[in-house]
Amino acid sequence: MSLNDWIKELEQRGVTSFSFQQVRCEFHERTEKSLKTDIKRLVSARRIENVYKGFYVIIPIQYQLKGIVPPSYYINELMEHLGKPYYVGLLSAAAIYGASHQRTMITQIVTTGPRTRTSNRNSLLDWNYRQQIPKELIETRNGEMGRIYYSSAELTATDLIQFASHVGGYQRAATVIAELVDTIDINKIRTVLQHTTATTVQRLGYLLDNILFEKDMADALYGMLKEKVGYFNAVTMSPGHPASDSPESNRWRVDMNIDIEIDYAFPNGV
């Protein structure tokens, strides 16, 4: 059996991906060099795509013209291959909730460490890391090939602040949060507080209070954070910028050292 025939057999069984280790086990009588040559030929022919080092996706017919498969098609299988928990987060999760104003062309993934250099090979995946995946804050939906895990609206909002450098900065984060506020259940924020830093919540609270003017939500968040930590350490809104000469006096103890203006020019004209 040729490698291409083996791949056809996988397709017939409903299998959409495989690893190089599987190929070596199946074709143990062949040399590694010859197998890699065959794989390279099949990649060039847009029969398969190397989406991660040693992990391949069989390209379905609807994607063969471009030769690129969207991560939503294989992300579950890839993360199972890596043996790591994950969720689709940040701008990609916000888009699921309808916050498409700042839609990104890549899929943003949040997983646990350690970080791997090979993850940078796939330009369609943006990797973000946290110590633990808060399972109680993860939602699921049907993807093209099975379930996809993504962050709750509440976790998405705090992640946009925590990983602001991965979404284009705090202004872009604030603009997306403005689109998310109607889907946020403030009662669920208490759970989020167990999985994020106080400084992240301070910055989120300041934005809700003074930029988005969501007074009720800001009040509830303030009470929860005060109950958890008691005293707030002073922080700048953007750690990458110098502190302002005249920091504001506010209950969040956030020095607003950058300018933020919410862009409400939504693409649908609303």
C-alpha atoms as a PDB file:
ATOM      1  CA  MET A   1       0.000   0.000   0.000  1.00  0.00           C
ATOM      2  CA  SER A   2       1.296   3.466  -0.910  1.00  0.00           C
ATOM      3  CA  LEU A   3       1.150   6.371   1.494  1.00  0.00           C
ATOM      4  CA  ASN A   4      -1.528   8.021  -0.650  1.00  0.00           C
ATOM      5  CA  ASP A   5      -3.629   4.839  -0.564  1.00  0.00           C
ATOM      6  CA  TRP A   6      -3.268   4.720   3.207  1.00  0.00           C
ATOM      7  CA  ILE A   7      -4.484   8.311   3.433  1.00  0.00           C
ATOM      8  CA  LYS A   8      -7.484   7.426   1.241  1.00  0.00           C
ATOM      9  CA  GLU A   9      -8.263   4.599   3.631  1.00  0.00           C
ATOM     10  CA  LEU A  10      -8.140   7.030   6.559  1.00  0.00           C
ATOM     11  CA  GLU A  11     -10.610   9.301   4.777  1.00  0.00           C
ATOM     12  CA  GLN A  12     -12.987   6.406   4.198  1.00  0.00           C
ATOM     13  CA  ARG A  13     -12.953   5.728   7.927  1.00  0.00           C
ATOM     14  CA  GLY A  14     -13.697   9.377   8.702  1.00  0.00           C
ATOM     15  CA  VAL A  15     -10.182  10.121   9.980  1.00  0.00           C
ATOM     16  CA  THR A  16      -9.016  13.627   9.036  1.00  0.00           C
ATOM     17  CA  SER A  17      -5.503  13.873  10.493  1.00  0.00           C
ATOM     18  CA  PHE A  18      -2.445  11.812  11.336  1.00  0.00           C
ATOM     19  CA  SER A  19       1.040  12.141  12.802  1.00  0.00           C
ATOM     20  CA  PHE A  20       4.385  11.241  11.310  1.00  0.00           C
ATOM     21  CA  GLN A  21       4.793   8.703  14.114  1.00  0.00           C
ATOM     22  CA  GLN A  22       1.685   6.898  12.838  1.00  0.00           C
ATOM     23  CA  VAL A  23       3.152   6.860   9.350  1.00  0.00           C
ATOM     24  CA  ARG A  24       6.394   5.344  10.633  1.00  0.00           C
ATOM     25  CA  CYS A  25       4.513   2.628  12.507  1.00  0.00           C
ATOM     26  CA  GLU A  26       2.345   1.803   9.494  1.00  0.00           C
ATOM     27  CA  PHE A  27       5.280   1.752   7.042  1.00  0.00           C
ATOM     28  CA  HIS A  28       7.961   0.442   9.388  1.00  0.00           C
ATOM     29  CA  GLU A  29       9.759  -1.367   6.565  1.00  0.00           C
ATOM     30  CA  ARG A  30      10.506   1.915   4.769  1.00  0.00           C
ATOM     31  CA  THR A  31      13.214   4.431   5.644  1.00  0.00           C
ATOM     32  CA  GLU A  32      12.348   7.670   7.356  1.00  0.00           C
ATOM     33  CA  LYS A  33      13.914   9.606   4.497  1.00  0.00           C
ATOM     34  CA  SER A  34      11.683   7.982   1.856  1.00  0.00           C
ATOM     35  CA  LEU A  35       8.575   8.579   3.955  1.00  0.00           C
ATOM     36  CA  LYS A  36       9.445  12.248   4.380  1.00  0.00           C
ATOM     37  CA  THR A  37       9.970  12.512   0.627  1.00  0.00           C
ATOM     38  CA  ASP A  38       6.484  11.085  -0.008  1.00  0.00           C
ATOM     39  CA  ILE A  39       4.945  13.396   2.582  1.00  0.00           C
ATOM     40  CA  LYS A  40       6.658  16.422   1.052  1.00  0.00           C
ATOM     41  CA  ARG A  41       5.277  15.421  -2.369  1.00  0.00           C
ATOM     42  CA  LEU A  42       1.737  15.094  -0.972  1.00  0.00           C
ATOM     43  CA  VAL A  43       2.035  18.477   0.738  1.00  0.00           C
ATOM     44  CA  SER A  44       3.151  20.048  -2.552  1.00  0.00           C
ATOM     45  CA  ALA A  45       0.199  18.393  -4.298  1.00  0.00           C
ATOM     46  CA  ARG A  46      -2.134  19.924  -1.667  1.00  0.00           C
ATOM     47  CA  ARG A  47      -3.261  16.495  -0.596  1.00  0.00           C
ATOM     48  CA  ILE A  48      -2.220  17.072   3.015  1.00  0.00           C
ATOM     49  CA  GLU A  49      -1.126  20.074   5.066  1.00  0.00           C
ATOM     50  CA  ASN A  50       1.560  20.198   7.736  1.00  0.00           C
ATOM     51  CA  VAL A  51      -0.220  22.268  10.402  1.00  0.00           C
ATOM     52  CA  TYR A  52       2.233  21.479  13.211  1.00  0.00           C
ATOM     53  CA  LYS A  53       5.583  19.740  13.362  1.00  0.00           C
ATOM     54  CA  GLY A  54       4.895  16.054  12.757  1.00  0.00           C
ATOM     55  CA  PHE A  55       1.112  16.536  12.491  1.00  0.00           C
ATOM     56  CA  TYR A  56      -0.792  16.556   9.207  1.00  0.00           C
ATOM     57  CA  VAL A  57      -4.349  17.264   8.108  1.00  0.00           C
ATOM     58  CA  ILE A  58      -5.902  15.613   5.070  1.00  0.00           C
ATOM     59  CA  ILE A  59      -7.115  18.530   2.971  1.00  0.00           C
ATOM     60  CA  PRO A  60     -10.831  18.160   2.159  1.00  0.00           C
ATOM     61  CA  ILE A  61     -11.881  18.936  -1.389  1.00  0.00           C
ATOM     62  CA  GLN A  62     -13.391  22.334  -0.509  1.00  0.00           C
ATOM     63  CA  TYR A  63      -9.977  23.562   0.660  1.00  0.00           C
ATOM     64  CA  GLN A  64      -7.729  21.932  -1.919  1.00  0.00           C
ATOM     65  CA  LEU A  65      -7.656  24.946  -4.258  1.00  0.00           C
ATOM     66  CA  LYS A  66      -6.024  27.122  -1.592  1.00  0.00           C
ATOM     67  CA  GLY A  67      -4.202  24.250   0.074  1.00  0.00           C
ATOM     68  CA  ILE A  68      -4.891  25.742   3.504  1.00  0.00           C
ATOM     69  CA  VAL A  69      -7.319  24.275   6.031  1.00  0.00           C
ATOM     70  CA  PRO A  70      -8.841  26.623   8.664  1.00  0.00           C
ATOM     71  CA  PRO A  71      -7.828  25.725  12.235  1.00  0.00           C
ATOM     72  CA  SER A  72     -11.466  25.187  13.244  1.00  0.00           C
ATOM     73  CA  TYR A  73     -11.328  22.030  11.137  1.00  0.00           C
ATOM     74  CA  TYR A  74      -8.506  20.371  13.058  1.00  0.00           C
ATOM     75  CA  ILE A  75      -7.873  22.194  16.339  1.00  0.00           C
ATOM     76  CA  ASN A  76      -9.397  19.460  18.533  1.00  0.00           C
ATOM     77  CA  GLU A  77      -7.343  16.739  16.869  1.00  0.00           C
ATOM     78  CA  LEU A  78      -4.179  18.823  17.086  1.00  0.00           C
ATOM     79  CA  MET A  79      -4.603  19.536  20.801  1.00  0.00           C
ATOM     80  CA  GLU A  80      -5.365  15.875  21.477  1.00  0.00           C
ATOM     81  CA  HIS A  81      -2.171  15.012  19.597  1.00  0.00           C
ATOM     82  CA  LEU A  82      -0.266  17.449  21.832  1.00  0.00           C
ATOM     83  CA  GLY A  83      -2.037  16.161  24.935  1.00  0.00           C
ATOM     84  CA  LYS A  84      -2.886  19.679  26.083  1.00  0.00           C
ATOM     85  CA  PRO A  85      -6.140  21.363  27.162  1.00  0.00           C
ATOM     86  CA  TYR A  86      -7.143  24.475  25.249  1.00  0.00           C
ATOM     87  CA  TYR A  87      -9.836  26.916  24.308  1.00  0.00           C
ATOM     88  CA  VAL A  88     -10.394  29.305  21.424  1.00  0.00           C
ATOM     89  CA  GLY A  89     -10.088  32.728  23.003  1.00  0.00           C
ATOM     90  CA  LEU A  90      -9.533  36.467  22.658  1.00  0.00           C
ATOM     91  CA  LEU A  91     -10.680  37.960  19.323  1.00  0.00           C
ATOM     92  CA  SER A  92     -11.609  34.533  17.951  1.00  0.00           C
ATOM     93  CA  ALA A  93     -13.927  33.869  20.905  1.00  0.00           C
ATOM     94  CA  ALA A  94     -15.317  37.414  20.751  1.00  0.00           C
ATOM     95  CA  ALA A  95     -16.284  36.805  17.116  1.00  0.00           C
ATOM     96  CA  ILE A  96     -18.342  33.786  18.215  1.00  0.00           C
ATOM     97  CA  TYR A  97     -20.351  36.154  20.422  1.00  0.00           C
ATOM     98  CA  GLY A  98     -20.929  38.483  17.489  1.00  0.00           C
ATOM     99  CA  ALA A  99     -18.132  40.961  18.215  1.00  0.00           C
ATOM    100  CA  SER A 100     -16.913  40.835  14.643  1.00  0.00           C
ATOM    101  CA  HIS A 101     -15.854  44.473  14.390  1.00  0.00           C
ATOM    102  CA  GLN A 102     -12.248  43.549  15.114  1.00  0.00           C
ATOM    103  CA  ARG A 103     -12.286  40.067  13.589  1.00  0.00           C
ATOM    104  CA  THR A 104      -8.865  38.515  13.114  1.00  0.00           C
ATOM    105  CA  MET A 105      -7.785  36.263  10.266  1.00  0.00           C
ATOM    106  CA  ILE A 106      -5.932  33.977  12.661  1.00  0.00           C
ATOM    107  CA  THR A 107      -7.338  31.661  15.325  1.00  0.00           C
ATOM    108  CA  GLN A 108      -6.255  32.579  18.830  1.00  0.00           C
ATOM    109  CA  ILE A 109      -5.703  29.627  21.143  1.00  0.00           C
ATOM    110  CA  VAL A 110      -5.177  29.642  24.897  1.00  0.00           C
ATOM    111  CA  THR A 111      -3.468  26.597  26.385  1.00  0.00           C
ATOM    112  CA  THR A 112      -1.052  25.646  29.151  1.00  0.00           C
ATOM    113  CA  GLY A 113       2.746  25.696  29.085  1.00  0.00           C
ATOM    114  CA  PRO A 114       5.408  24.870  28.364  1.00  0.00           C
ATOM    115  CA  ARG A 115       5.648  26.932  25.217  1.00  0.00           C
ATOM    116  CA  THR A 116       6.979  25.247  22.103  1.00  0.00           C
ATOM    117  CA  ARG A 117       8.994  26.813  19.313  1.00  0.00           C
ATOM    118  CA  THR A 118       7.338  24.645  16.697  1.00  0.00           C
ATOM    119  CA  SER A 119       3.968  26.283  17.401  1.00  0.00           C
ATOM    120  CA  ASN A 120       5.160  29.329  15.463  1.00  0.00           C
ATOM    121  CA  ARG A 121       5.293  27.368  12.205  1.00  0.00           C
ATOM    122  CA  ASN A 122       1.549  27.728  11.636  1.00  0.00           C
ATOM    123  CA  SER A 123       0.778  31.366  10.815  1.00  0.00           C
ATOM    124  CA  LEU A 124      -2.968  30.765  11.259  1.00  0.00           C
ATOM    125  CA  LEU A 125      -2.591  29.982  14.973  1.00  0.00           C
ATOM    126  CA  ASP A 126      -1.744  32.492  17.680  1.00  0.00           C
ATOM    127  CA  TRP A 127      -0.725  30.743  20.894  1.00  0.00           C
ATOM    128  CA  ASN A 128      -1.354  32.186  24.352  1.00  0.00           C
ATOM    129  CA  TYR A 129      -0.539  30.512  27.657  1.00  0.00           C
ATOM    130  CA  ARG A 130      -1.912  30.394  31.184  1.00  0.00           C
ATOM    131  CA  GLN A 131      -1.135  28.146  34.141  1.00  0.00           C
ATOM    132  CA  GLN A 132      -4.511  26.381  34.151  1.00  0.00           C
ATOM    133  CA  ILE A 133      -7.538  26.119  31.898  1.00  0.00           C
ATOM    134  CA  PRO A 134     -10.648  27.090  33.923  1.00  0.00           C
ATOM    135  CA  LYS A 135     -12.979  24.332  32.731  1.00  0.00           C
ATOM    136  CA  GLU A 136     -16.031  25.888  34.376  1.00  0.00           C
ATOM    137  CA  LEU A 137     -15.609  28.946  32.137  1.00  0.00           C
ATOM    138  CA  ILE A 138     -15.346  27.062  28.842  1.00  0.00           C
ATOM    139  CA  GLU A 139     -18.217  26.729  26.363  1.00  0.00           C
ATOM    140  CA  THR A 140     -18.568  24.269  23.481  1.00  0.00           C
ATOM    141  CA  ARG A 141     -20.069  24.408  20.023  1.00  0.00           C
ATOM    142  CA  ASN A 142     -20.125  22.195  16.951  1.00  0.00           C
ATOM    143  CA  GLY A 143     -17.332  22.772  14.457  1.00  0.00           C
ATOM    144  CA  GLU A 144     -16.761  21.262  11.033  1.00  0.00           C
ATOM    145  CA  MET A 145     -15.221  18.198  12.627  1.00  0.00           C
ATOM    146  CA  GLY A 146     -16.606  17.784  16.136  1.00  0.00           C
ATOM    147  CA  ARG A 147     -16.684  20.059  19.144  1.00  0.00           C
ATOM    148  CA  ILE A 148     -14.757  23.289  19.596  1.00  0.00           C
ATOM    149  CA  TYR A 149     -14.002  24.697  23.034  1.00  0.00           C
ATOM    150  CA  TYR A 150     -14.078  28.469  23.532  1.00  0.00           C
ATOM    151  CA  SER A 151     -14.036  30.920  26.430  1.00  0.00           C
ATOM    152  CA  SER A 152     -17.175  32.261  28.078  1.00  0.00           C
ATOM    153  CA  ALA A 153     -17.968  35.921  27.444  1.00  0.00           C
ATOM    154  CA  GLU A 154     -16.752  36.745  30.947  1.00  0.00           C
ATOM    155  CA  LEU A 155     -13.415  34.971  30.515  1.00  0.00           C
ATOM    156  CA  THR A 156     -13.055  36.454  27.033  1.00  0.00           C
ATOM    157  CA  ALA A 157     -13.385  39.985  28.431  1.00  0.00           C
ATOM    158  CA  THR A 158     -10.688  39.475  31.066  1.00  0.00           C
ATOM    159  CA  ASP A 159      -8.417  37.647  28.623  1.00  0.00           C
ATOM    160  CA  LEU A 160      -8.629  40.591  26.222  1.00  0.00           C
ATOM    161  CA  ILE A 161      -7.087  42.706  28.977  1.00  0.00           C
ATOM    162  CA  GLN A 162      -4.600  40.102  30.218  1.00  0.00           C
ATOM    163  CA  PHE A 163      -3.347  39.353  26.690  1.00  0.00           C
ATOM    164  CA  ALA A 164      -3.823  42.875  25.304  1.00  0.00           C
ATOM    165  CA  SER A 165      -0.526  42.735  23.431  1.00  0.00           C
ATOM    166  CA  HIS A 166      -1.940  39.842  21.360  1.00  0.00           C
ATOM    167  CA  VAL A 167      -5.055  41.754  20.294  1.00  0.00           C
ATOM    168  CA  GLY A 168      -3.481  45.046  19.266  1.00  0.00           C
ATOM    169  CA  GLY A 169      -3.410  46.875  22.588  1.00  0.00           C
ATOM    170  CA  TYR A 170      -5.834  48.169  25.184  1.00  0.00           C
ATOM    171  CA  GLN A 171      -7.807  50.388  22.808  1.00  0.00           C
ATOM    172  CA  ARG A 172      -8.663  47.456  20.595  1.00  0.00           C
ATOM    173  CA  ALA A 173      -9.430  45.335  23.680  1.00  0.00           C
ATOM    174  CA  ALA A 174     -11.786  48.027  24.986  1.00  0.00           C
ATOM    175  CA  THR A 175     -13.557  48.309  21.622  1.00  0.00           C
ATOM    176  CA  VAL A 176     -14.204  44.562  21.542  1.00  0.00           C
ATOM    177  CA  ILE A 177     -15.345  44.515  25.180  1.00  0.00           C
ATOM    178  CA  ALA A 178     -17.837  47.247  24.264  1.00  0.00           C
ATOM    179  CA  GLU A 179     -19.397  44.735  21.874  1.00  0.00           C
ATOM    180  CA  LEU A 180     -19.344  41.990  24.509  1.00  0.00           C
ATOM    181  CA  VAL A 181     -20.950  43.755  27.462  1.00  0.00           C
ATOM    182  CA  ASP A 182     -24.498  42.676  26.588  1.00  0.00           C
ATOM    183  CA  THR A 183     -23.464  39.017  26.743  1.00  0.00           C
ATOM    184  CA  ILE A 184     -21.522  39.256  30.019  1.00  0.00           C
ATOM    185  CA  ASP A 185     -23.217  37.833  33.111  1.00  0.00           C
ATOM    186  CA  ILE A 186     -21.711  39.769  35.987  1.00  0.00           C
ATOM    187  CA  ASN A 187     -22.577  36.958  38.404  1.00  0.00           C
ATOM    188  CA  LYS A 188     -20.142  34.706  36.525  1.00  0.00           C
ATOM    189  CA  ILE A 189     -17.328  37.218  36.896  1.00  0.00           C
ATOM    190  CA  ARG A 190     -16.789  35.996  40.453  1.00  0.00           C
ATOM    191  CA  THR A 191     -15.545  32.691  39.022  1.00  0.00           C
ATOM    192  CA  VAL A 192     -13.273  34.513  36.589  1.00  0.00           C
ATOM    193  CA  LEU A 193     -11.640  36.318  39.512  1.00  0.00           C
ATOM    194  CA  GLN A 194     -10.274  32.992  40.701  1.00  0.00           C
ATOM    195  CA  HIS A 195      -8.321  32.572  37.464  1.00  0.00           C
ATOM    196  CA  THR A 196      -6.893  36.006  36.726  1.00  0.00           C
ATOM    197  CA  THR A 197      -4.782  38.650  38.415  1.00  0.00           C
ATOM    198  CA  ALA A 198      -6.114  41.577  40.423  1.00  0.00           C
ATOM    199  CA  THR A 199      -4.319  44.028  38.114  1.00  0.00           C
ATOM    200  CA  THR A 200      -6.159  42.594  35.091  1.00  0.00           C
ATOM    201  CA  VAL A 201      -9.488  43.071  36.852  1.00  0.00           C
ATOM    202  CA  GLN A 202      -8.535  46.597  37.937  1.00  0.00           C
ATOM    203  CA  ARG A 203      -7.867  47.555  34.317  1.00  0.00           C
ATOM    204  CA  LEU A 204     -11.101  45.917  33.159  1.00  0.00           C
ATOM    205  CA  GLY A 205     -13.036  47.649  35.934  1.00  0.00           C
ATOM    206  CA  TYR A 206     -11.581  51.038  35.042  1.00  0.00           C
ATOM    207  CA  LEU A 207     -12.584  50.584  31.402  1.00  0.00           C
ATOM    208  CA  LEU A 208     -16.122  49.535  32.332  1.00  0.00           C
ATOM    209  CA  ASP A 209     -16.403  52.451  34.748  1.00  0.00           C
ATOM    210  CA  ASN A 210     -14.802  55.344  32.892  1.00  0.00           C
ATOM    211  CA  ILE A 211     -14.593  54.442  29.207  1.00  0.00           C
ATOM    212  CA  LEU A 212     -17.622  52.230  28.547  1.00  0.00           C
ATOM    213  CA  PHE A 213     -19.806  53.826  31.248  1.00  0.00           C
ATOM    214  CA  GLU A 214     -21.184  50.472  32.401  1.00  0.00           C
ATOM    215  CA  LYS A 215     -21.708  51.734  35.932  1.00  0.00           C
ATOM    216  CA  ASP A 216     -23.760  48.819  37.314  1.00  0.00           C
ATOM    217  CA  MET A 217     -21.340  46.224  35.989  1.00  0.00           C
ATOM    218  CA  ALA A 218     -18.359  48.206  37.243  1.00  0.00           C
ATOM    219  CA  ASP A 219     -19.912  48.545  40.722  1.00  0.00           C
ATOM    220  CA  ALA A 220     -20.540  44.805  40.956  1.00  0.00           C
ATOM    221  CA  LEU A 221     -17.020  43.990  39.758  1.00  0.00           C
ATOM    222  CA  TYR A 222     -15.512  46.464  42.222  1.00  0.00           C
ATOM    223  CA  GLY A 223     -17.352  44.854  45.123  1.00  0.00           C
ATOM    224  CA  MET A 224     -16.186  41.372  44.129  1.00  0.00           C
ATOM    225  CA  LEU A 225     -12.559  42.396  43.713  1.00  0.00           C
ATOM    226  CA  LYS A 226     -12.599  44.365  46.976  1.00  0.00           C
ATOM    227  CA  GLU A 227     -13.952  41.298  48.746  1.00  0.00           C
ATOM    228  CA  LYS A 228     -11.214  39.135  47.247  1.00  0.00           C
ATOM    229  CA  VAL A 229      -8.078  41.269  47.678  1.00  0.00           C
ATOM    230  CA  GLY A 230      -9.074  44.065  50.043  1.00  0.00           C
ATOM    231  CA  TYR A 231      -6.429  46.583  48.955  1.00  0.00           C
ATOM    232  CA  PHE A 232      -5.602  47.567  45.363  1.00  0.00           C
ATOM    233  CA  ASN A 233      -2.016  48.211  44.370  1.00  0.00           C
ATOM    234  CA  ALA A 234      -1.551  51.159  42.014  1.00  0.00           C
ATOM    235  CA  VAL A 235      -1.082  50.101  38.368  1.00  0.00           C
ATOM    236  CA  THR A 236      -0.734  51.769  34.991  1.00  0.00           C
ATOM    237  CA  MET A 237      -3.304  50.949  32.321  1.00  0.00           C
ATOM    238  CA  SER A 238      -0.528  50.068  29.887  1.00  0.00           C
ATOM    239  CA  PRO A 239       2.657  48.592  31.405  1.00  0.00           C
ATOM    240  CA  GLY A 240       4.469  49.291  28.139  1.00  0.00           C
ATOM    241  CA  HIS A 241       4.082  53.073  28.497  1.00  0.00           C
ATOM    242  CA  PRO A 242       5.510  55.455  31.088  1.00  0.00           C
ATOM    243  CA  ALA A 243       3.313  56.562  33.965  1.00  0.00           C
ATOM    244  CA  SER A 244       1.488  59.834  33.436  1.00  0.00           C
ATOM    245  CA  ASP A 245       2.729  63.045  35.072  1.00  0.00           C
ATOM    246  CA  SER A 246      -0.617  63.525  36.801  1.00  0.00           C
ATOM    247  CA  PRO A 247      -2.138  60.103  37.479  1.00  0.00           C
ATOM    248  CA  GLU A 248      -5.898  60.120  37.978  1.00  0.00           C
ATOM    249  CA  SER A 249      -7.409  59.517  41.377  1.00  0.00           C
ATOM    250  CA  ASN A 250      -9.944  56.719  40.968  1.00  0.00           C
ATOM    251  CA  ARG A 251     -11.220  53.808  42.989  1.00  0.00           C
ATOM    252  CA  TRP A 252      -9.466  51.264  40.753  1.00  0.00           C
ATOM    253  CA  ARG A 253      -6.071  52.895  41.389  1.00  0.00           C
ATOM    254  CA  VAL A 254      -5.363  52.766  37.666  1.00  0.00           C
ATOM    255  CA  ASP A 255      -3.082  55.382  36.147  1.00  0.00           C
ATOM    256  CA  MET A 256      -4.639  56.038  32.738  1.00  0.00           C
ATOM    257  CA  ASN A 257      -1.314  56.556  30.957  1.00  0.00           C
ATOM    258  CA  ILE A 258      -2.670  56.021  27.430  1.00  0.00           C
ATOM    259  CA  ASP A 259      -5.533  57.509  25.403  1.00  0.00           C
ATOM    260  CA  ILE A 260      -8.457  55.202  24.620  1.00  0.00           C
ATOM    261  CA  GLU A 261     -11.313  56.124  22.319  1.00  0.00           C
ATOM    262  CA  ILE A 262     -13.895  53.480  21.490  1.00  0.00           C
ATOM    263  CA  ASP A 263     -14.503  53.011  17.780  1.00  0.00           C
ATOM    264  CA  TYR A 264     -18.221  52.429  17.346  1.00  0.00           C
ATOM    265  CA  ALA A 265     -18.077  52.294  13.528  1.00  0.00           C
ATOM    266  CA  PHE A 266     -19.450  48.776  13.187  1.00  0.00           C
ATOM    267  CA  PRO A 267     -19.323  47.208   9.711  1.00  0.00           C
ATOM    268  CA  ASN A 268     -23.086  46.617   9.546  1.00  0.00           C
ATOM    269  CA  GLY A 269     -23.780  50.299  10.045  1.00  0.00           C
ATOM    270  CA  VAL A 270     -25.357  49.938  13.487  1.00  0.00           C
END
